[in-house]
N, C-alpha and C. Protein backbone atom coordinates (compact mmCIF):
# COMPACT_ATOMS: atom_id res chain seq x y z
N MET A 1 88.28 40.17 95.78
CA MET A 1 89.65 40.59 95.55
C MET A 1 89.81 41.19 94.16
N LYS A 2 89.12 40.60 93.17
CA LYS A 2 89.21 41.14 91.81
C LYS A 2 88.63 42.54 91.75
N LYS A 3 87.55 42.77 92.49
CA LYS A 3 86.94 44.11 92.50
C LYS A 3 87.88 45.13 93.11
N VAL A 4 88.54 44.77 94.18
CA VAL A 4 89.48 45.69 94.84
C VAL A 4 90.63 46.00 93.89
N LEU A 5 91.17 44.99 93.25
CA LEU A 5 92.26 45.18 92.31
C LEU A 5 91.82 46.05 91.12
N PHE A 6 90.62 45.80 90.61
CA PHE A 6 90.09 46.59 89.50
C PHE A 6 89.94 48.06 89.91
N ILE A 7 89.37 48.31 91.08
CA ILE A 7 89.18 49.69 91.55
C ILE A 7 90.53 50.37 91.77
N PHE A 8 91.48 49.64 92.35
CA PHE A 8 92.82 50.20 92.57
C PHE A 8 93.48 50.57 91.23
N CYS A 9 93.40 49.70 90.25
CA CYS A 9 93.97 49.98 88.92
C CYS A 9 93.27 51.16 88.26
N LEU A 10 91.97 51.24 88.42
CA LEU A 10 91.21 52.34 87.84
C LEU A 10 91.61 53.68 88.47
N LEU A 11 91.76 53.71 89.78
CA LEU A 11 92.18 54.93 90.47
C LEU A 11 93.59 55.32 90.08
N PHE A 12 94.49 54.35 90.01
CA PHE A 12 95.87 54.64 89.66
C PHE A 12 95.99 55.19 88.24
N SER A 13 95.23 54.63 87.31
CA SER A 13 95.30 55.11 85.93
C SER A 13 94.74 56.52 85.82
N GLY A 14 93.76 56.87 86.61
CA GLY A 14 93.22 58.23 86.60
C GLY A 14 94.20 59.23 87.13
N ILE A 15 94.95 58.86 88.16
CA ILE A 15 95.96 59.75 88.71
C ILE A 15 97.08 59.96 87.70
N ARG A 16 97.49 58.89 87.05
CA ARG A 16 98.55 59.00 86.05
C ARG A 16 98.12 59.83 84.85
N ALA A 17 96.90 59.70 84.43
CA ALA A 17 96.42 60.43 83.26
C ALA A 17 96.29 61.92 83.55
N SER A 18 96.11 62.29 84.81
CA SER A 18 95.95 63.71 85.11
C SER A 18 97.28 64.45 85.18
N SER A 19 98.41 63.75 85.22
CA SER A 19 99.70 64.42 85.31
C SER A 19 100.38 64.45 83.95
N GLN A 20 99.87 65.30 83.06
CA GLN A 20 100.42 65.44 81.73
C GLN A 20 100.07 66.82 81.18
N VAL A 21 100.66 67.14 80.06
CA VAL A 21 100.32 68.39 79.38
C VAL A 21 99.20 68.06 78.41
N LEU A 22 98.07 68.71 78.57
CA LEU A 22 96.91 68.46 77.73
C LEU A 22 96.78 69.55 76.69
N THR A 23 96.46 69.16 75.46
CA THR A 23 96.23 70.14 74.40
C THR A 23 94.85 69.93 73.82
N ASP A 24 94.22 71.03 73.46
CA ASP A 24 92.90 71.00 72.86
C ASP A 24 92.91 71.97 71.69
N THR A 25 92.45 71.52 70.53
CA THR A 25 92.44 72.38 69.35
C THR A 25 91.03 72.56 68.81
N MET A 26 90.79 73.75 68.27
CA MET A 26 89.53 74.05 67.60
C MET A 26 89.85 74.93 66.40
N THR A 27 89.04 74.82 65.36
CA THR A 27 89.20 75.66 64.19
C THR A 27 87.90 76.41 63.94
N TYR A 28 88.03 77.72 63.74
CA TYR A 28 86.89 78.57 63.45
C TYR A 28 87.05 79.14 62.05
N ILE A 29 85.94 79.45 61.40
CA ILE A 29 85.97 80.09 60.09
C ILE A 29 85.42 81.50 60.25
N TYR A 30 86.13 82.46 59.64
CA TYR A 30 85.79 83.87 59.77
C TYR A 30 85.79 84.50 58.39
N TYR A 31 84.78 85.30 58.08
CA TYR A 31 84.72 86.04 56.83
C TYR A 31 84.83 87.53 57.14
N ASP A 32 85.72 88.23 56.41
CA ASP A 32 85.83 89.68 56.63
C ASP A 32 84.75 90.42 55.84
N ASP A 33 84.79 91.75 55.86
CA ASP A 33 83.76 92.57 55.21
C ASP A 33 83.67 92.35 53.71
N VAL A 34 84.79 91.99 53.08
CA VAL A 34 84.83 91.80 51.64
C VAL A 34 84.43 90.38 51.26
N GLY A 35 84.36 89.49 52.22
CA GLY A 35 83.99 88.11 51.94
C GLY A 35 85.16 87.15 51.86
N VAL A 36 86.37 87.63 52.24
CA VAL A 36 87.54 86.76 52.24
C VAL A 36 87.45 85.82 53.44
N LYS A 37 87.68 84.55 53.18
CA LYS A 37 87.56 83.52 54.22
C LYS A 37 88.90 83.33 54.93
N TYR A 38 88.87 83.40 56.25
CA TYR A 38 90.03 83.13 57.10
C TYR A 38 89.67 82.00 58.06
N LYS A 39 90.69 81.31 58.50
CA LYS A 39 90.49 80.28 59.52
C LYS A 39 91.30 80.69 60.75
N ILE A 40 90.74 80.40 61.90
CA ILE A 40 91.43 80.66 63.16
C ILE A 40 91.59 79.31 63.86
N TRP A 41 92.85 78.94 64.08
CA TRP A 41 93.17 77.69 64.76
C TRP A 41 93.53 78.03 66.20
N GLU A 42 92.81 77.46 67.14
CA GLU A 42 93.05 77.73 68.55
C GLU A 42 93.66 76.48 69.20
N LEU A 43 94.81 76.67 69.83
CA LEU A 43 95.48 75.59 70.53
C LEU A 43 95.58 75.97 72.00
N LYS A 44 94.86 75.24 72.86
CA LYS A 44 94.91 75.48 74.31
C LYS A 44 95.81 74.42 74.93
N VAL A 45 96.72 74.89 75.77
CA VAL A 45 97.68 74.00 76.42
C VAL A 45 97.48 74.12 77.92
N ARG A 46 97.26 72.99 78.57
CA ARG A 46 97.08 72.96 80.03
C ARG A 46 98.19 72.11 80.62
N ASN A 47 98.99 72.71 81.51
CA ASN A 47 100.08 72.01 82.16
C ASN A 47 99.57 71.36 83.44
N ASN A 48 99.32 70.07 83.40
CA ASN A 48 98.86 69.32 84.58
C ASN A 48 99.99 68.58 85.28
N THR A 49 101.23 68.93 84.96
CA THR A 49 102.38 68.28 85.58
C THR A 49 102.91 69.15 86.71
N ASP A 50 103.93 68.65 87.38
CA ASP A 50 104.62 69.44 88.40
C ASP A 50 105.81 70.19 87.80
N ASP A 51 106.09 69.97 86.52
CA ASP A 51 107.21 70.62 85.85
C ASP A 51 106.79 71.96 85.26
N ILE A 52 107.77 72.82 85.08
CA ILE A 52 107.54 74.09 84.39
C ILE A 52 107.87 73.86 82.92
N TYR A 53 106.97 74.26 82.05
CA TYR A 53 107.17 74.12 80.61
C TYR A 53 107.39 75.48 79.97
N PHE A 54 108.15 75.47 78.88
CA PHE A 54 108.33 76.66 78.06
C PHE A 54 107.83 76.33 76.66
N THR A 55 107.27 77.34 76.02
CA THR A 55 106.77 77.16 74.66
C THR A 55 107.17 78.35 73.82
N TRP A 56 107.40 78.10 72.55
CA TRP A 56 107.71 79.15 71.59
C TRP A 56 107.39 78.63 70.20
N VAL A 57 107.54 79.50 69.22
CA VAL A 57 107.31 79.13 67.82
C VAL A 57 108.65 79.01 67.13
N SER A 58 108.93 77.84 66.61
CA SER A 58 110.18 77.61 65.89
C SER A 58 110.07 78.20 64.49
N PRO A 59 111.15 78.73 63.94
CA PRO A 59 111.10 79.25 62.57
C PRO A 59 110.94 78.15 61.53
N ASN A 60 111.31 76.92 61.88
CA ASN A 60 111.22 75.79 60.96
C ASN A 60 110.39 74.68 61.59
N SER A 61 109.96 73.74 60.79
CA SER A 61 109.17 72.62 61.28
C SER A 61 109.98 71.79 62.28
N ILE A 62 109.32 71.31 63.32
CA ILE A 62 109.99 70.52 64.35
C ILE A 62 109.64 69.04 64.24
N THR A 63 109.08 68.64 63.14
CA THR A 63 108.53 67.29 62.99
C THR A 63 109.54 66.20 63.31
N ARG A 64 110.74 66.28 62.81
CA ARG A 64 111.72 65.21 63.02
C ARG A 64 112.91 65.68 63.86
N LYS A 65 112.72 66.67 64.69
CA LYS A 65 113.83 67.21 65.47
C LYS A 65 113.74 66.75 66.93
N SER A 66 114.91 66.51 67.49
CA SER A 66 114.97 66.15 68.91
C SER A 66 114.77 67.41 69.75
N LYS A 67 114.54 67.23 71.05
CA LYS A 67 114.38 68.37 71.95
C LYS A 67 115.64 69.23 71.95
N LYS A 68 116.80 68.58 71.91
CA LYS A 68 118.07 69.32 71.89
C LYS A 68 118.16 70.20 70.65
N ASP A 69 117.79 69.67 69.50
CA ASP A 69 117.81 70.46 68.27
C ASP A 69 116.80 71.60 68.31
N GLN A 70 115.63 71.37 68.89
CA GLN A 70 114.62 72.42 69.00
C GLN A 70 115.13 73.56 69.89
N ILE A 71 115.76 73.21 70.99
CA ILE A 71 116.31 74.23 71.90
C ILE A 71 117.45 74.97 71.22
N HIS A 72 118.32 74.24 70.53
CA HIS A 72 119.45 74.86 69.82
C HIS A 72 118.96 75.83 68.75
N ASP A 73 117.97 75.41 67.97
CA ASP A 73 117.46 76.27 66.90
C ASP A 73 116.88 77.57 67.43
N PHE A 74 116.29 77.55 68.60
CA PHE A 74 115.69 78.77 69.13
C PHE A 74 116.71 79.67 69.82
N PHE A 75 117.54 79.11 70.70
CA PHE A 75 118.43 79.93 71.51
C PHE A 75 119.79 80.20 70.87
N ILE A 76 120.36 79.24 70.18
CA ILE A 76 121.75 79.31 69.74
C ILE A 76 121.90 79.63 68.26
N LYS A 77 121.08 79.05 67.41
CA LYS A 77 121.23 79.20 65.96
C LYS A 77 121.03 80.66 65.54
N ARG A 78 121.90 81.11 64.66
CA ARG A 78 121.82 82.49 64.19
C ARG A 78 120.85 82.61 63.02
N TYR A 79 120.05 83.66 63.08
CA TYR A 79 119.16 84.03 61.98
C TYR A 79 119.56 85.44 61.60
N GLY A 80 120.24 85.57 60.47
CA GLY A 80 120.83 86.86 60.14
C GLY A 80 122.11 87.02 60.94
N ASP A 81 122.22 88.12 61.66
CA ASP A 81 123.44 88.40 62.42
C ASP A 81 123.40 87.92 63.86
N PHE A 82 122.22 87.59 64.39
CA PHE A 82 122.10 87.32 65.82
C PHE A 82 121.33 86.04 66.09
N SER A 83 121.62 85.46 67.24
CA SER A 83 120.79 84.39 67.79
C SER A 83 119.92 85.01 68.88
N TYR A 84 118.99 84.24 69.41
CA TYR A 84 118.13 84.73 70.49
C TYR A 84 118.97 85.12 71.71
N LEU A 85 119.95 84.28 72.06
CA LEU A 85 120.80 84.60 73.21
C LEU A 85 121.66 85.83 72.96
N ASP A 86 122.12 86.04 71.72
CA ASP A 86 122.85 87.27 71.39
C ASP A 86 121.99 88.49 71.66
N LEU A 87 120.75 88.45 71.18
CA LEU A 87 119.82 89.56 71.40
C LEU A 87 119.58 89.77 72.89
N TYR A 88 119.46 88.68 73.63
CA TYR A 88 119.21 88.77 75.07
C TYR A 88 120.40 89.39 75.80
N TYR A 89 121.60 88.88 75.54
CA TYR A 89 122.79 89.37 76.25
C TYR A 89 123.14 90.80 75.86
N GLU A 90 122.78 91.24 74.67
CA GLU A 90 123.02 92.62 74.25
C GLU A 90 121.93 93.57 74.74
N GLY A 91 120.90 93.04 75.36
CA GLY A 91 119.82 93.88 75.87
C GLY A 91 118.88 94.39 74.78
N LEU A 92 118.81 93.66 73.68
CA LEU A 92 118.00 94.11 72.54
C LEU A 92 116.59 93.53 72.52
N LEU A 93 116.28 92.65 73.45
CA LEU A 93 114.93 92.10 73.51
C LEU A 93 114.06 93.03 74.33
N ASN A 94 113.11 93.64 73.67
CA ASN A 94 112.21 94.57 74.33
C ASN A 94 111.03 93.80 74.90
N ARG A 95 110.72 94.00 76.16
CA ARG A 95 109.63 93.27 76.79
C ARG A 95 108.26 93.66 76.24
N HIS A 96 108.17 94.78 75.56
CA HIS A 96 106.87 95.25 75.09
C HIS A 96 106.61 94.93 73.63
N PHE A 97 107.57 94.36 72.95
CA PHE A 97 107.37 93.99 71.55
C PHE A 97 107.61 92.49 71.41
N TRP A 98 106.62 91.79 70.88
CA TRP A 98 106.75 90.35 70.69
C TRP A 98 106.42 90.01 69.26
N SER A 99 107.23 89.19 68.68
CA SER A 99 106.92 88.65 67.36
C SER A 99 106.98 87.13 67.48
N ASN A 100 106.68 86.44 66.42
CA ASN A 100 106.75 84.99 66.51
C ASN A 100 108.19 84.50 66.60
N ARG A 101 109.17 85.36 66.41
CA ARG A 101 110.57 84.96 66.47
C ARG A 101 111.18 85.11 67.87
N ASN A 102 110.81 86.14 68.61
CA ASN A 102 111.42 86.35 69.92
C ASN A 102 110.47 86.08 71.07
N PHE A 103 109.42 85.36 70.81
CA PHE A 103 108.39 85.07 71.79
C PHE A 103 108.71 83.78 72.55
N ILE A 104 108.66 83.83 73.88
CA ILE A 104 108.82 82.63 74.70
C ILE A 104 107.89 82.77 75.91
N LYS A 105 107.18 81.70 76.21
CA LYS A 105 106.19 81.72 77.29
C LYS A 105 106.50 80.60 78.28
N LYS A 106 106.44 80.95 79.56
CA LYS A 106 106.61 79.98 80.64
C LYS A 106 105.22 79.54 81.11
N ILE A 107 104.98 78.23 81.12
CA ILE A 107 103.70 77.70 81.58
C ILE A 107 103.95 76.94 82.89
N ASN A 108 103.54 77.54 83.98
CA ASN A 108 103.71 76.93 85.30
C ASN A 108 102.72 75.78 85.49
N PRO A 109 102.93 74.94 86.50
CA PRO A 109 101.97 73.87 86.77
C PRO A 109 100.56 74.43 87.00
N ASN A 110 99.58 73.73 86.44
CA ASN A 110 98.15 74.08 86.53
C ASN A 110 97.79 75.40 85.85
N GLU A 111 98.60 75.84 84.91
CA GLU A 111 98.28 77.03 84.11
C GLU A 111 97.89 76.61 82.70
N THR A 112 97.15 77.51 82.04
CA THR A 112 96.72 77.28 80.67
C THR A 112 97.23 78.42 79.80
N PHE A 113 97.65 78.08 78.59
CA PHE A 113 98.08 79.08 77.61
C PHE A 113 97.42 78.76 76.28
N THR A 114 97.06 79.80 75.52
CA THR A 114 96.34 79.61 74.26
C THR A 114 97.07 80.29 73.11
N TYR A 115 97.25 79.53 72.03
CA TYR A 115 97.71 80.08 70.76
C TYR A 115 96.48 80.26 69.87
N ASP A 116 96.34 81.43 69.26
CA ASP A 116 95.33 81.67 68.23
C ASP A 116 96.07 82.00 66.94
N VAL A 117 95.88 81.19 65.92
CA VAL A 117 96.61 81.33 64.66
C VAL A 117 95.62 81.69 63.56
N LEU A 118 95.90 82.77 62.86
CA LEU A 118 95.09 83.21 61.73
C LEU A 118 95.75 82.74 60.44
N TYR A 119 94.99 82.08 59.57
CA TYR A 119 95.54 81.62 58.29
C TYR A 119 94.43 81.51 57.26
N LYS A 120 94.84 81.39 55.98
CA LYS A 120 93.86 81.27 54.90
C LYS A 120 93.69 79.81 54.47
N ASP A 121 94.72 79.24 53.86
CA ASP A 121 94.61 77.88 53.33
C ASP A 121 95.41 76.86 54.14
N ILE A 122 96.65 77.19 54.45
CA ILE A 122 97.54 76.25 55.12
C ILE A 122 97.99 76.84 56.45
N ASN A 123 97.87 76.06 57.51
CA ASN A 123 98.31 76.49 58.83
C ASN A 123 99.83 76.30 58.91
N THR A 124 100.58 77.38 58.75
CA THR A 124 102.03 77.28 58.72
C THR A 124 102.65 77.16 60.12
N TYR A 125 101.87 77.35 61.16
CA TYR A 125 102.39 77.26 62.52
C TYR A 125 102.20 75.88 63.16
N GLU A 126 101.37 75.05 62.58
CA GLU A 126 100.95 73.81 63.24
C GLU A 126 102.12 72.91 63.65
N ASN A 127 103.14 72.80 62.84
CA ASN A 127 104.29 71.94 63.14
C ASN A 127 105.50 72.73 63.63
N LYS A 128 105.25 73.93 64.17
CA LYS A 128 106.36 74.77 64.62
C LYS A 128 106.28 75.16 66.09
N ILE A 129 105.26 74.71 66.79
CA ILE A 129 105.09 75.08 68.19
C ILE A 129 105.82 74.07 69.07
N VAL A 130 106.72 74.59 69.91
CA VAL A 130 107.62 73.77 70.71
C VAL A 130 107.19 73.80 72.17
N PHE A 131 107.26 72.65 72.84
CA PHE A 131 107.04 72.53 74.28
C PHE A 131 108.21 71.77 74.88
N VAL A 132 108.94 72.40 75.80
CA VAL A 132 110.04 71.73 76.50
C VAL A 132 109.98 72.10 77.98
N THR A 133 110.55 71.26 78.81
CA THR A 133 110.56 71.54 80.24
C THR A 133 111.74 72.45 80.58
N LYS A 134 111.61 73.08 81.73
CA LYS A 134 112.68 73.94 82.24
C LYS A 134 113.96 73.13 82.42
N ASP A 135 113.83 71.91 82.93
CA ASP A 135 114.99 71.05 83.16
C ASP A 135 115.70 70.70 81.86
N GLU A 136 114.95 70.48 80.78
CA GLU A 136 115.57 70.16 79.49
C GLU A 136 116.40 71.33 78.98
N ILE A 137 115.88 72.54 79.11
CA ILE A 137 116.63 73.73 78.66
C ILE A 137 117.88 73.91 79.50
N GLU A 138 117.73 73.86 80.81
CA GLU A 138 118.86 74.13 81.70
C GLU A 138 119.91 73.03 81.67
N SER A 139 119.51 71.80 81.44
CA SER A 139 120.50 70.71 81.41
C SER A 139 121.26 70.65 80.10
N ILE A 140 120.62 71.02 78.99
CA ILE A 140 121.28 70.91 77.69
C ILE A 140 122.25 72.07 77.46
N TYR A 141 121.83 73.30 77.75
CA TYR A 141 122.67 74.46 77.44
C TYR A 141 123.00 75.32 78.64
N ASN A 142 122.61 74.92 79.84
CA ASN A 142 122.92 75.67 81.05
C ASN A 142 122.45 77.13 80.94
N ILE A 143 121.25 77.31 80.44
CA ILE A 143 120.65 78.64 80.29
C ILE A 143 119.81 78.92 81.53
N ASP A 144 120.00 80.08 82.13
CA ASP A 144 119.21 80.47 83.30
C ASP A 144 117.85 80.95 82.82
N THR A 145 116.85 80.11 82.93
CA THR A 145 115.52 80.45 82.42
C THR A 145 114.82 81.50 83.27
N CYS A 146 115.26 81.70 84.50
CA CYS A 146 114.62 82.70 85.37
C CYS A 146 114.88 84.12 84.88
N ALA A 147 115.98 84.32 84.16
CA ALA A 147 116.36 85.66 83.72
C ALA A 147 115.83 86.02 82.32
N LEU A 148 115.20 85.08 81.64
CA LEU A 148 114.72 85.35 80.28
C LEU A 148 113.53 86.30 80.29
N PRO A 149 113.45 87.20 79.31
CA PRO A 149 112.24 88.03 79.18
C PRO A 149 111.10 87.18 78.63
N LEU A 150 110.07 87.02 79.41
CA LEU A 150 108.99 86.10 79.07
C LEU A 150 107.72 86.84 78.67
N PHE A 151 106.97 86.21 77.81
CA PHE A 151 105.65 86.70 77.43
C PHE A 151 104.73 86.48 78.61
N GLU A 152 103.96 87.50 79.01
CA GLU A 152 103.21 87.42 80.26
C GLU A 152 101.72 87.16 80.09
N ASN A 153 101.16 87.36 78.91
CA ASN A 153 99.72 87.16 78.73
C ASN A 153 99.36 85.68 78.70
N VAL A 154 98.07 85.39 78.82
CA VAL A 154 97.60 84.00 78.83
C VAL A 154 97.29 83.49 77.43
N SER A 155 97.41 84.34 76.42
CA SER A 155 97.19 83.91 75.04
C SER A 155 97.97 84.82 74.10
N ILE A 156 98.19 84.32 72.89
CA ILE A 156 98.86 85.12 71.86
C ILE A 156 98.15 84.86 70.53
N ILE A 157 98.04 85.91 69.73
CA ILE A 157 97.48 85.79 68.39
C ILE A 157 98.64 85.86 67.41
N LEU A 158 98.84 84.80 66.66
CA LEU A 158 99.92 84.76 65.68
C LEU A 158 99.38 85.22 64.34
N PRO A 159 100.11 86.10 63.67
CA PRO A 159 99.60 86.71 62.44
C PRO A 159 99.57 85.76 61.26
N LEU A 160 98.87 86.19 60.25
CA LEU A 160 98.77 85.46 59.00
C LEU A 160 100.15 85.37 58.38
N MET A 161 100.58 84.16 58.04
CA MET A 161 101.88 83.96 57.43
C MET A 161 101.70 82.98 56.29
N GLU A 162 101.98 83.42 55.09
CA GLU A 162 101.80 82.57 53.92
C GLU A 162 102.87 81.49 53.87
N GLU A 163 102.50 80.34 53.38
CA GLU A 163 103.43 79.21 53.23
C GLU A 163 104.44 79.54 52.14
N LYS A 164 105.73 79.29 52.45
CA LYS A 164 106.77 79.49 51.45
C LYS A 164 106.70 78.35 50.45
N LYS A 165 106.72 78.70 49.21
CA LYS A 165 106.67 77.68 48.17
C LYS A 165 108.10 77.28 47.81
N GLU A 166 108.34 76.01 47.81
CA GLU A 166 109.66 75.51 47.44
C GLU A 166 109.60 75.00 46.01
N TYR A 167 110.51 75.49 45.20
CA TYR A 167 110.54 75.10 43.80
C TYR A 167 111.67 74.09 43.59
N PRO A 168 111.44 73.10 42.75
CA PRO A 168 112.51 72.11 42.51
C PRO A 168 113.69 72.77 41.81
N MET A 169 114.88 72.25 42.11
CA MET A 169 116.08 72.81 41.50
C MET A 169 116.16 72.35 40.05
N VAL A 170 116.55 73.27 39.19
CA VAL A 170 116.70 72.97 37.77
C VAL A 170 118.18 72.78 37.49
N GLU A 171 118.52 71.67 36.86
CA GLU A 171 119.93 71.42 36.56
C GLU A 171 120.23 71.70 35.13
């Protein structure tokens, strides 16, 4: 009886472990013709769930933010004169031009997506990549995710972005 229970628990834990979003990271070092050292951080995301996930790059760190705040910062919060939804409703999002600000990718069940990040010293994207489910987006802000202009490739290369230096305030 103990063997049957052990085998049953082992099988059940394997089934549960396979239904999740898996991430795998690797870092490569690259030298250009002049000898400047660059690092390439590769983040592979595999959706092993039955849910549809969306991913994008947040302009700010998401370390202590809730899912609601992450969704708000991307879709609703204004950067300059427009928010992402303003650009979308005005028809200003071009499907052929993607930057780290207007990029959004849908990851269906059993699909893989890869981020490739180029950097020198500090990986400024590491704490800015967001993963949320379709249900979280639609339930929080009632946004129709089927109509969004989505990034269609299976990978994206994010450009070199230097870390902003914050200086202490002088009183």
